[in-house]
Amino acid sequence: MSCEELATLADSNTMSEVATFIRKVQLDGATAAGMDDASLAELELEASHRDKFRQALQQLKQYYVENELKLEEEEAEEAEEIIDPAREEGTPASPHVAAAVFAAEEQREGLRMMYDAVNYSTELAALADTPTESMPGVDIYNVKGEVKGLNLSNQELSGALRGEQLATGAALLTNCTKLQLSHNALEGEIPEEIKHLANLQVLDLSKNSFSGSLPNGLFCLVKLTSLQLFGNCLEGPIGADIGNLVQLETLHLGSNQFTGSVPEQIGQLVELVELGLGNNKLTGQIPTTVSSLTNIKTVHLANNQLSGNLPVELGCLTGVSLLNLRGNLLQGSIPGSIGNLVNLASLDLGKNEFGGTLPKELTGLTKLQKLHLDANSFTLKKSKNPFEANLDNTLHGPLDCQDVVTIQRVLAKKPWEVGPVVIGLQVV
């Protein structure tokens, strides 16, 4: 295809029609720039969009500069001429510019598909002249004209996600790494087509009304570092396939209706920093595989139906600063390995069925600021230095501590914000 023919093409059709044709014949922008006369004849060309060429040229120049490449002066002059409203008919154009325009239009079409998939109600026709980087929700946009992130949180979206449109949008936005749709009213099942967003690193669908079980396609997103689905109506088991997401650093599935056990495969998520599974209907024991989560900082498993003893392997989580197991059916004694959690700032074991003695290793947790032990079945062991305890307002049962005096001295050195527990202790 000659430069004159490309100039004519640029001056006489909308880029959306060209992009549609490119997708139909499965060509990329660079190939389309070299289409022959026969291929061009299949296009029904209409009005020109010079602004799109102007934007594409700016992106192209910036791309060359940032990659330490040199745009040939002749090509640059040709490209300037093609976007000049006063240029003469037949001015040559650079194929590089045309390819950039095709790519940019594919990104715009991908956004339109994503808007359709999430039921975005804004009149898209009004966005026809809006630069891609300024379109709603585009919060990451690089110099090559690629949409890297889409944030449509708090947009009053409603209805179900449309799987077909999601797949089409994903096929065009191949470099999209972030999708945020939180705090809307989206409902129905998370579509299987979510798997087509293969490069996603961040997926946030929290605070919606999604229901049903987790789709298998979700576990194909192996590049995810953050998965947030809390605050929905999701149900069923979390499933062993959660172990596929080995790059996860943040996993928040709380405030749903998940059932079954915490999968042992959770231990495969060795990069995990935040784990939130609270406020579900999870049962069974805390798996010993949690010992592999050596990067973990916060563990929230409160308000489930977890049972059995605390695994001594919890002591391997030496970096954890928050451990919340409140409101379960956990029983037995608190293991001495709890003393290995030297970075703990908040420990909540309240409203369980723990008994026996409080381990003296608790006194080594010098960073502890909040301790909740209420509503358990601890028993009181007398000491040479007795202290007063209001049992009704503290542990809902007597307190048994192997080293009461040491506990009190820790309290005196740095008072704990322990709620009702601190009321029942007289520091000496």
Protein backbone atom coordinates (compact mmCIF):
# COMPACT_ATOMS: atom_id res chain seq x y z
CA MET A 1 0.00 0.00 0.00
CA SER A 2 1.46 3.35 -1.01
CA CYS A 3 1.77 6.43 1.21
CA GLU A 4 -0.72 8.28 -0.99
CA GLU A 5 -3.26 5.50 -0.55
CA LEU A 6 -2.70 5.51 3.21
CA ALA A 7 -3.22 9.28 3.29
CA THR A 8 -6.50 8.86 1.43
CA LEU A 9 -7.54 6.16 3.86
CA ALA A 10 -6.71 8.40 6.81
CA ASP A 11 -8.66 11.30 5.37
CA SER A 12 -11.80 9.46 4.44
CA ASN A 13 -12.88 7.00 7.14
CA THR A 14 -13.50 6.63 10.82
CA MET A 15 -10.91 4.65 12.73
CA SER A 16 -13.61 2.59 14.42
CA GLU A 17 -14.64 1.13 11.06
CA VAL A 18 -11.03 0.35 10.19
CA ALA A 19 -10.49 -1.28 13.60
CA THR A 20 -13.65 -3.34 13.13
CA PHE A 21 -12.38 -4.59 9.79
CA ILE A 22 -8.95 -5.37 11.26
CA ARG A 23 -10.54 -7.49 13.98
CA LYS A 24 -12.79 -9.21 11.45
CA VAL A 25 -9.86 -10.40 9.34
CA GLN A 26 -7.70 -10.91 12.47
CA LEU A 27 -4.95 -8.48 11.48
CA ASP A 28 -2.88 -6.28 13.76
CA GLY A 29 -2.41 -2.57 13.14
CA ALA A 30 0.96 -2.93 11.44
CA THR A 31 -0.39 -5.48 8.96
CA ALA A 32 -3.44 -3.34 8.30
CA ALA A 33 -1.17 -0.43 7.37
CA GLY A 34 0.08 -2.51 4.47
CA MET A 35 -3.27 -3.73 3.12
CA ASP A 36 -3.53 -3.79 -0.66
CA ASP A 37 -6.15 -2.11 -2.85
CA ALA A 38 -8.36 -5.20 -2.86
CA SER A 39 -8.53 -5.26 0.92
CA LEU A 40 -9.19 -1.52 1.08
CA ALA A 41 -12.02 -1.87 -1.41
CA GLU A 42 -13.90 -4.00 1.14
CA LEU A 43 -14.07 -1.03 3.52
CA GLU A 44 -16.97 1.38 3.33
CA LEU A 45 -15.13 4.58 4.24
CA GLU A 46 -16.70 7.66 5.82
CA ALA A 47 -15.60 10.89 7.57
CA SER A 48 -12.07 11.59 8.79
CA HIS A 49 -10.91 11.84 12.39
CA ARG A 50 -7.81 14.02 12.28
CA ASP A 51 -7.70 14.45 16.09
CA LYS A 52 -7.07 10.74 16.48
CA PHE A 53 -4.08 11.01 14.17
CA ARG A 54 -2.78 13.95 16.19
CA GLN A 55 -3.04 11.97 19.45
CA ALA A 56 -1.43 8.92 17.85
CA LEU A 57 1.49 10.97 16.56
CA GLN A 58 2.14 12.45 20.02
CA GLN A 59 2.10 8.98 21.57
CA LEU A 60 4.36 7.66 18.83
CA LYS A 61 6.93 10.41 19.34
CA GLN A 62 6.91 9.95 23.10
CA TYR A 63 7.34 6.20 22.69
CA TYR A 64 10.37 6.68 20.45
CA VAL A 65 11.94 9.15 22.90
CA GLU A 66 11.42 6.95 25.96
CA ASN A 67 12.84 3.92 24.19
CA GLU A 68 15.83 5.89 22.90
CA LEU A 69 14.75 5.38 19.32
CA LYS A 70 14.92 7.94 16.55
CA LEU A 71 11.93 8.78 14.47
CA GLU A 72 13.09 9.49 10.96
CA GLU A 73 12.66 13.16 10.12
CA GLU A 74 11.01 12.31 6.83
CA GLU A 75 8.42 10.12 8.57
CA ALA A 76 7.79 12.78 11.21
CA GLU A 77 7.21 15.43 8.54
CA GLU A 78 4.86 13.11 6.67
CA ALA A 79 2.93 12.39 9.84
CA GLU A 80 2.65 16.09 10.69
CA GLU A 81 1.28 16.76 7.25
CA ILE A 82 -1.40 14.07 7.47
CA ILE A 83 -2.89 15.61 10.59
CA ASP A 84 -2.64 19.17 9.34
CA PRO A 85 -6.17 20.35 8.47
CA ALA A 86 -4.69 22.62 5.80
CA ARG A 87 -2.66 19.88 4.08
CA GLU A 88 -3.15 19.28 0.37
CA GLU A 89 -4.93 16.19 -0.86
CA GLY A 90 -2.60 13.23 -1.37
CA THR A 91 0.00 14.17 1.24
CA PRO A 92 2.04 11.04 2.13
CA ALA A 93 1.53 9.50 5.56
CA SER A 94 3.72 7.35 7.81
CA PRO A 95 2.60 3.73 8.23
CA HIS A 96 3.85 3.95 11.85
CA VAL A 97 1.28 6.63 12.59
CA ALA A 98 -1.52 4.63 11.02
CA ALA A 99 -0.54 1.55 13.04
CA ALA A 100 -0.57 3.62 16.24
CA VAL A 101 -4.02 4.94 15.39
CA PHE A 102 -5.36 1.46 14.73
CA ALA A 103 -3.95 0.27 18.07
CA ALA A 104 -5.44 3.24 19.92
CA GLU A 105 -8.85 2.61 18.39
CA GLU A 106 -8.72 -1.04 19.43
CA GLN A 107 -8.15 0.14 22.99
CA ARG A 108 -11.18 2.43 22.73
CA GLU A 109 -13.30 -0.39 21.37
CA GLY A 110 -12.07 -2.61 24.20
CA LEU A 111 -13.20 0.02 26.69
CA ARG A 112 -16.61 0.21 25.03
CA MET A 113 -16.96 -3.55 25.40
CA MET A 114 -15.94 -3.37 29.07
CA TYR A 115 -18.43 -0.55 29.71
CA ASP A 116 -21.10 -2.71 28.12
CA ALA A 117 -20.03 -5.73 30.18
CA VAL A 118 -20.47 -3.86 33.47
CA ASN A 119 -23.62 -1.99 32.41
CA TYR A 120 -22.00 1.43 32.49
CA SER A 121 -24.90 3.72 31.71
CA THR A 122 -23.14 6.88 30.51
CA GLU A 123 -24.00 7.76 26.92
CA LEU A 124 -20.94 6.45 25.10
CA ALA A 125 -21.65 8.56 22.02
CA ALA A 126 -20.77 11.59 24.12
CA LEU A 127 -17.29 10.15 24.60
CA ALA A 128 -16.52 9.93 20.87
CA ASP A 129 -14.06 12.83 20.98
CA THR A 130 -12.72 12.09 24.47
CA PRO A 131 -9.04 11.06 24.53
CA THR A 132 -8.64 7.43 25.56
CA GLU A 133 -6.69 8.34 28.68
CA SER A 134 -9.58 10.59 29.78
CA MET A 135 -12.35 8.06 29.31
CA PRO A 136 -14.17 7.00 32.51
CA GLY A 137 -12.22 4.72 34.79
CA VAL A 138 -8.98 4.69 32.81
CA ASP A 139 -6.50 5.17 35.63
CA ILE A 140 -3.43 3.62 33.98
CA TYR A 141 -2.51 4.54 30.43
CA ASN A 142 0.99 4.22 28.99
CA VAL A 143 2.75 6.00 26.15
CA LYS A 144 2.08 3.16 23.74
CA GLY A 145 -1.63 3.86 24.00
CA GLU A 146 -2.42 0.80 26.11
CA VAL A 147 -5.06 0.78 28.81
CA LYS A 148 -3.39 -0.82 31.82
CA GLY A 149 -6.11 -0.34 34.42
CA LEU A 150 -9.85 0.28 34.68
CA ASN A 151 -11.45 1.58 37.88
CA LEU A 152 -15.25 1.91 37.90
CA SER A 153 -15.76 1.67 41.65
CA ASN A 154 -18.59 3.70 43.20
CA GLN A 155 -20.32 4.24 39.86
CA GLU A 156 -23.78 2.91 40.81
CA LEU A 157 -23.37 -0.02 38.44
CA SER A 158 -26.06 -2.68 38.65
CA GLY A 159 -27.16 -5.89 36.98
CA ALA A 160 -25.09 -8.89 36.00
CA LEU A 161 -21.67 -8.91 34.40
CA ARG A 162 -21.98 -9.84 30.73
CA GLY A 163 -19.56 -12.62 29.96
CA GLU A 164 -19.50 -12.29 26.17
CA GLN A 165 -18.73 -8.58 26.24
CA LEU A 166 -16.18 -9.17 28.99
CA ALA A 167 -14.37 -11.69 26.81
CA THR A 168 -14.41 -9.35 23.80
CA GLY A 169 -13.12 -6.44 25.85
CA ALA A 170 -10.42 -8.62 27.36
CA ALA A 171 -9.28 -9.71 23.88
CA LEU A 172 -8.66 -6.06 22.98
CA LEU A 173 -7.31 -4.82 26.31
CA THR A 174 -4.65 -7.51 26.45
CA ASN A 175 -2.35 -5.48 28.70
CA CYS A 176 -4.96 -4.57 31.30
CA THR A 177 -3.52 -5.43 34.72
CA LYS A 178 -6.13 -3.91 37.03
CA LEU A 179 -9.94 -4.12 37.16
CA GLN A 180 -11.79 -2.47 40.05
CA LEU A 181 -15.59 -2.59 40.29
CA SER A 182 -16.06 -2.31 44.05
CA HIS A 183 -18.90 -0.56 45.90
CA ASN A 184 -21.55 -1.00 43.23
CA ALA A 185 -24.72 -3.12 42.99
CA LEU A 186 -23.53 -5.73 40.52
CA GLU A 187 -25.21 -9.10 40.99
CA GLY A 188 -25.44 -12.62 39.66
CA GLU A 189 -22.54 -15.00 39.21
CA ILE A 190 -19.01 -13.94 38.36
CA PRO A 191 -18.81 -15.08 34.73
CA GLU A 192 -16.41 -17.81 33.64
CA GLU A 193 -15.14 -15.41 30.97
CA ILE A 194 -13.20 -13.54 33.65
CA LYS A 195 -10.38 -15.93 32.72
CA HIS A 196 -9.76 -13.98 29.50
CA LEU A 197 -8.28 -11.09 31.50
CA ALA A 198 -5.14 -13.19 31.65
CA ASN A 199 -2.75 -10.37 32.63
CA LEU A 200 -4.77 -9.11 35.57
CA GLN A 201 -2.74 -8.43 38.69
CA VAL A 202 -5.48 -6.69 40.69
CA LEU A 203 -9.15 -7.75 40.72
CA ASP A 204 -11.51 -5.98 43.11
CA LEU A 205 -15.19 -6.94 42.99
CA SER A 206 -15.82 -6.23 46.67
CA LYS A 207 -18.96 -4.66 48.13
CA ASN A 208 -21.39 -5.80 45.44
CA SER A 209 -24.10 -8.48 45.43
CA PHE A 210 -22.39 -11.25 43.49
CA SER A 211 -23.74 -14.72 44.26
CA GLY A 212 -23.03 -18.32 43.38
CA SER A 213 -19.73 -20.12 43.62
CA LEU A 214 -16.29 -19.03 42.52
CA PRO A 215 -15.88 -19.73 38.77
CA ASN A 216 -13.08 -22.02 37.65
CA GLY A 217 -11.89 -19.25 35.35
CA LEU A 218 -10.97 -17.14 38.35
CA PHE A 219 -8.22 -19.60 39.24
CA CYS A 220 -6.70 -19.18 35.76
CA LEU A 221 -5.64 -15.63 36.63
CA VAL A 222 -2.24 -16.78 37.83
CA LYS A 223 -0.69 -13.29 37.69
CA LEU A 224 -3.01 -11.93 40.38
CA THR A 225 -1.31 -10.25 43.31
CA SER A 226 -4.53 -8.91 44.85
CA LEU A 227 -7.97 -10.57 44.89
CA GLN A 228 -10.75 -8.81 46.79
CA LEU A 229 -14.24 -10.29 46.77
CA PHE A 230 -15.37 -9.43 50.29
CA GLY A 231 -18.84 -8.12 50.99
CA ASN A 232 -20.83 -10.18 48.48
CA CYS A 233 -23.14 -13.20 48.67
CA LEU A 234 -20.74 -15.78 47.31
CA GLU A 235 -21.15 -19.34 48.54
CA GLY A 236 -19.80 -22.85 48.27
CA PRO A 237 -16.26 -23.96 49.04
CA ILE A 238 -13.22 -21.79 48.41
CA GLY A 239 -11.67 -24.83 46.78
CA ALA A 240 -8.21 -26.31 46.33
CA ASP A 241 -7.60 -24.36 43.12
CA ILE A 242 -6.97 -21.24 45.19
CA GLY A 243 -3.46 -22.68 45.42
CA ASN A 244 -2.93 -21.83 41.73
CA LEU A 245 -2.71 -18.13 42.53
CA VAL A 246 0.82 -18.35 43.88
CA GLN A 247 1.61 -14.66 43.31
CA LEU A 248 -1.18 -13.43 45.60
CA GLU A 249 -0.14 -10.92 48.24
CA THR A 250 -3.66 -9.90 49.25
CA LEU A 251 -6.63 -12.28 49.53
CA HIS A 252 -9.88 -10.92 50.97
CA LEU A 253 -12.92 -13.21 50.71
CA GLY A 254 -14.60 -12.15 53.94
CA SER A 255 -18.26 -11.32 54.56
CA ASN A 256 -19.66 -13.88 52.15
CA GLN A 257 -21.30 -17.27 52.72
CA PHE A 258 -18.43 -19.61 51.91
CA THR A 259 -18.69 -23.08 53.43
CA GLY A 260 -16.36 -26.02 53.83
CA SER A 261 -12.88 -25.94 55.25
CA VAL A 262 -10.00 -23.55 54.78
CA PRO A 263 -8.19 -25.40 51.97
CA GLU A 264 -4.77 -26.79 52.76
CA GLN A 265 -3.58 -25.30 49.49
CA ILE A 266 -3.71 -21.90 51.16
CA GLY A 267 -0.19 -22.76 52.26
CA GLN A 268 0.99 -22.55 48.63
CA LEU A 269 0.39 -18.79 48.64
CA VAL A 270 3.82 -18.09 50.06
CA GLU A 271 3.79 -14.42 48.94
CA LEU A 272 0.63 -13.71 50.94
CA VAL A 273 0.73 -10.64 53.20
CA GLU A 274 -2.97 -10.21 54.00
CA LEU A 275 -5.47 -13.06 54.47
CA GLY A 276 -9.13 -12.22 55.14
CA LEU A 277 -11.65 -15.06 55.37
CA GLY A 278 -13.73 -13.74 58.25
CA ASN A 279 -17.53 -13.63 58.49
CA ASN A 280 -18.24 -16.75 56.46
CA LYS A 281 -19.46 -20.24 57.37
CA LEU A 282 -16.13 -22.04 57.22
CA THR A 283 -15.76 -25.21 59.27
CA GLY A 284 -13.05 -27.65 60.25
CA GLN A 285 -9.61 -27.00 61.62
CA ILE A 286 -7.11 -24.32 60.73
CA PRO A 287 -4.75 -26.16 58.36
CA THR A 288 -1.19 -26.70 59.53
CA THR A 289 0.01 -25.58 56.09
CA VAL A 290 -0.39 -21.98 57.25
CA SER A 291 3.15 -22.41 58.57
CA SER A 292 4.35 -21.70 55.00
CA LEU A 293 2.92 -18.17 55.03
CA THR A 294 6.09 -16.61 56.35
CA ASN A 295 5.38 -13.20 54.74
CA ILE A 296 1.95 -12.83 56.32
CA LYS A 297 1.14 -9.68 58.31
CA THR A 298 -2.60 -9.94 58.97
CA VAL A 299 -4.79 -13.04 59.46
CA HIS A 300 -8.55 -12.53 59.82
CA LEU A 301 -10.58 -15.73 60.31
CA ALA A 302 -13.13 -14.35 62.77
CA ASN A 303 -16.81 -15.29 62.91
CA ASN A 304 -16.75 -18.65 61.23
CA GLN A 305 -17.33 -22.13 62.66
CA LEU A 306 -13.70 -23.25 62.83
CA SER A 307 -13.06 -25.93 65.43
CA GLY A 308 -10.28 -27.98 66.99
CA ASN A 309 -7.10 -26.79 68.65
CA LEU A 310 -4.91 -23.93 67.55
CA PRO A 311 -2.13 -25.50 65.48
CA VAL A 312 1.30 -25.02 67.02
CA GLU A 313 2.41 -24.14 63.46
CA LEU A 314 0.91 -20.69 63.96
CA GLY A 315 4.14 -19.95 65.76
CA CYS A 316 5.91 -19.92 62.38
CA LEU A 317 4.14 -16.69 61.41
CA THR A 318 6.73 -14.53 63.12
CA GLY A 319 5.95 -11.44 61.04
CA VAL A 320 2.22 -11.35 61.74
CA SER A 321 0.98 -8.18 63.46
CA LEU A 322 -2.77 -8.95 63.59
CA LEU A 323 -4.32 -12.33 64.38
CA ASN A 324 -8.11 -12.40 64.70
CA LEU A 325 -9.78 -15.75 65.42
CA ARG A 326 -12.72 -14.37 67.35
CA GLY A 327 -16.16 -16.00 67.22
CA ASN A 328 -15.30 -19.59 66.30
CA LEU A 329 -15.51 -22.98 68.05
CA LEU A 330 -11.79 -23.30 68.77
CA GLN A 331 -10.91 -25.19 71.93
CA GLY A 332 -8.09 -26.52 74.05
CA SER A 333 -5.20 -24.55 75.47
CA ILE A 334 -3.44 -21.70 73.73
CA PRO A 335 -0.12 -23.19 72.56
CA GLY A 336 3.12 -21.79 73.88
CA SER A 337 4.26 -21.23 70.29
CA ILE A 338 2.07 -18.11 70.35
CA GLY A 339 5.05 -16.50 72.03
CA ASN A 340 6.99 -16.69 68.75
CA LEU A 341 4.71 -14.04 67.25
CA VAL A 342 6.94 -11.25 68.52
CA ASN A 343 5.47 -8.67 66.11
CA LEU A 344 1.87 -9.13 67.25
CA ALA A 345 0.11 -5.85 67.93
CA SER A 346 -3.44 -7.24 68.06
CA LEU A 347 -4.56 -10.70 69.23
CA ASP A 348 -8.26 -11.58 69.44
CA LEU A 349 -9.19 -15.07 70.64
CA GLY A 350 -12.48 -14.05 72.22
CA LYS A 351 -15.77 -15.95 71.95
CA ASN A 352 -14.29 -19.42 71.48
CA GLU A 353 -14.12 -22.48 73.72
CA PHE A 354 -10.52 -22.17 74.90
CA GLY A 355 -9.64 -23.44 78.37
CA GLY A 356 -6.67 -24.36 80.51
CA THR A 357 -3.94 -21.91 81.38
CA LEU A 358 -2.76 -18.84 79.60
CA PRO A 359 0.80 -19.62 78.46
CA LYS A 360 3.53 -17.60 80.13
CA GLU A 361 4.94 -17.01 76.61
CA LEU A 362 2.29 -14.31 76.21
CA THR A 363 4.48 -12.11 78.36
CA GLY A 364 7.09 -12.01 75.60
CA LEU A 365 4.75 -10.24 73.19
CA THR A 366 6.06 -6.78 74.03
CA LYS A 367 4.49 -5.12 70.94
CA LEU A 368 1.00 -6.24 71.88
CA GLN A 369 -1.48 -3.37 72.13
CA LYS A 370 -4.82 -5.18 71.92
CA LEU A 371 -5.63 -8.50 73.58
CA HIS A 372 -9.13 -10.01 73.60
CA LEU A 373 -9.67 -13.25 75.54
CA ASP A 374 -13.28 -12.76 76.64
CA ALA A 375 -16.01 -15.41 76.48
CA ASN A 376 -13.80 -18.47 76.90
CA SER A 377 -13.41 -21.02 79.70
CA PHE A 378 -10.12 -20.19 81.38
CA THR A 379 -9.82 -21.01 85.10
CA LEU A 380 -8.16 -19.06 87.90
CA LYS A 381 -4.89 -20.19 89.47
CA LYS A 382 -3.99 -18.51 92.75
CA SER A 383 -0.72 -16.60 93.05
CA LYS A 384 1.38 -15.18 95.86
CA ASN A 385 0.50 -11.79 94.40
CA PRO A 386 -3.24 -12.09 93.81
CA PHE A 387 -5.07 -9.55 91.68
CA GLU A 388 -8.68 -8.53 91.51
CA ALA A 389 -10.76 -9.79 88.64
CA ASN A 390 -14.31 -8.90 87.74
CA LEU A 391 -15.16 -12.19 86.12
CA ASP A 392 -18.50 -11.03 84.74
CA ASN A 393 -16.84 -8.23 82.76
CA THR A 394 -13.64 -9.96 81.73
CA LEU A 395 -13.29 -13.56 80.65
CA HIS A 396 -16.79 -14.82 81.45
CA GLY A 397 -15.05 -17.39 83.58
CA PRO A 398 -12.08 -17.56 85.92
CA LEU A 399 -8.56 -16.76 84.74
CA ASP A 400 -5.69 -19.23 85.03
CA CYS A 401 -2.28 -17.73 84.38
CA GLN A 402 1.00 -19.47 85.07
CA ASP A 403 2.79 -16.20 85.74
CA VAL A 404 0.28 -13.57 86.86
CA VAL A 405 2.91 -11.20 88.25
CA THR A 406 4.82 -11.06 84.95
CA ILE A 407 1.62 -10.40 83.02
CA GLN A 408 0.83 -7.55 85.37
CA ARG A 409 4.28 -6.04 84.99
CA VAL A 410 3.89 -6.06 81.22
CA LEU A 411 0.58 -4.29 81.67
CA ALA A 412 2.22 -1.71 83.90
CA LYS A 413 5.00 -1.08 81.41
CA LYS A 414 2.70 -0.68 78.39
CA PRO A 415 -1.05 -0.81 79.07
CA TRP A 416 -2.94 -2.97 76.63
CA GLU A 417 -6.09 -1.73 75.04
CA VAL A 418 -7.78 -4.98 75.87
CA GLY A 419 -11.33 -3.84 76.29
CA PRO A 420 -13.07 -5.61 79.15
CA VAL A 421 -9.98 -7.64 80.12
CA VAL A 422 -8.04 -4.65 81.36
CA ILE A 423 -10.93 -3.67 83.61
CA GLY A 424 -10.59 -6.92 85.49
CA LEU A 425 -6.86 -6.58 86.20
CA GLN A 426 -5.43 -4.51 89.03
CA VAL A 427 -1.87 -3.62 87.98
CA VAL A 428 0.64 -3.87 90.88
